[in-house]
């Protein structure tokens, strides 16, 4: 199963999303919990507990887990989202949110206006597109003769 399929599956609780993905991907790759644990220098019991939803995603090991599970680059954001769901913490964007109070304000505004994720994403994508269309002010102007 892809991380995006698990993230968007309402039948899987947020707490169980990462464990479901870990087990699904591990078995698809023919790996045991013990093999994953050894590669991460963790116990196999810990890995099994994650898979059962009894423990959170190992935040300090997520890049390594993604590598072991061969998570495609196009699925990385979803991978971090399902890891974040188990903690209510998104490690790949926390630093950005910490440094950008307006980003937090925008998210809170979207929440307060009861915007759907799709509505909020469309606004952000539309704005990003307008930024790409604006001429750069850092390019040197052509000299006129």
Foldseek 3Di string as FASTA:
>chain_A
DALVVLLPDPVAALLQSLLCVLVVLCVVVVHQLCRVCVQVVHHSVVSVCSNVSNDADPVVCQVVSCVVSVHDPVRVQSNQVSSCSSVVHRVVCPVVCVVDVVVVVLVVVCVVVVPDPVVSVVVVVVVVVVVVVDDDPPDDDDDDD
